Amino acid sequence: MASFPTFALLAGFTASMVLLPAAIHAQEKIEGKVTRTNLTLCQPKPTGGGCEGTLTLETRLDGKAQQIVIKVTFDTIIKKGQDYVLLPSTRGSSVVVSYAIEKGEKVAKTIDVVGATR
């Protein structure tokens, strides 16, 4: 039979293996207006995605306007309603971006256009 310290160590290790992946892949959402896009590659796919680059999002955090750069990868899905759209068409639109922090930068997982281009 395992001693209590061995059991506690094993239980702690098991818990960390269950909880750590959830923390690594946690996604956050941010809403704002796209002020700039930078397209580095675009090969549209019929199921969405296919563009890489960055978008600059103007949002209000703590009551102050801030510009946030978000990386857009090849498999980021960008939608307006039920339609898939390309990264450059988001410029000037209000969007909701679901993102994760990867290697210290915000990386978009999905982008939903929620407001018209102005």
Foldseek 3Di string as FASTA:
>chain_A
DDDPVVVVVVVVVVVCVVPVVCVQPPKDKDKFAFADWDWDWADADPVAFRTWTWTWGWDADPNDTDTAIETEDRQEFEEEVPDTDDDVLRHQFIWMFIFGQDPRGTYTNYIYGDGDRD
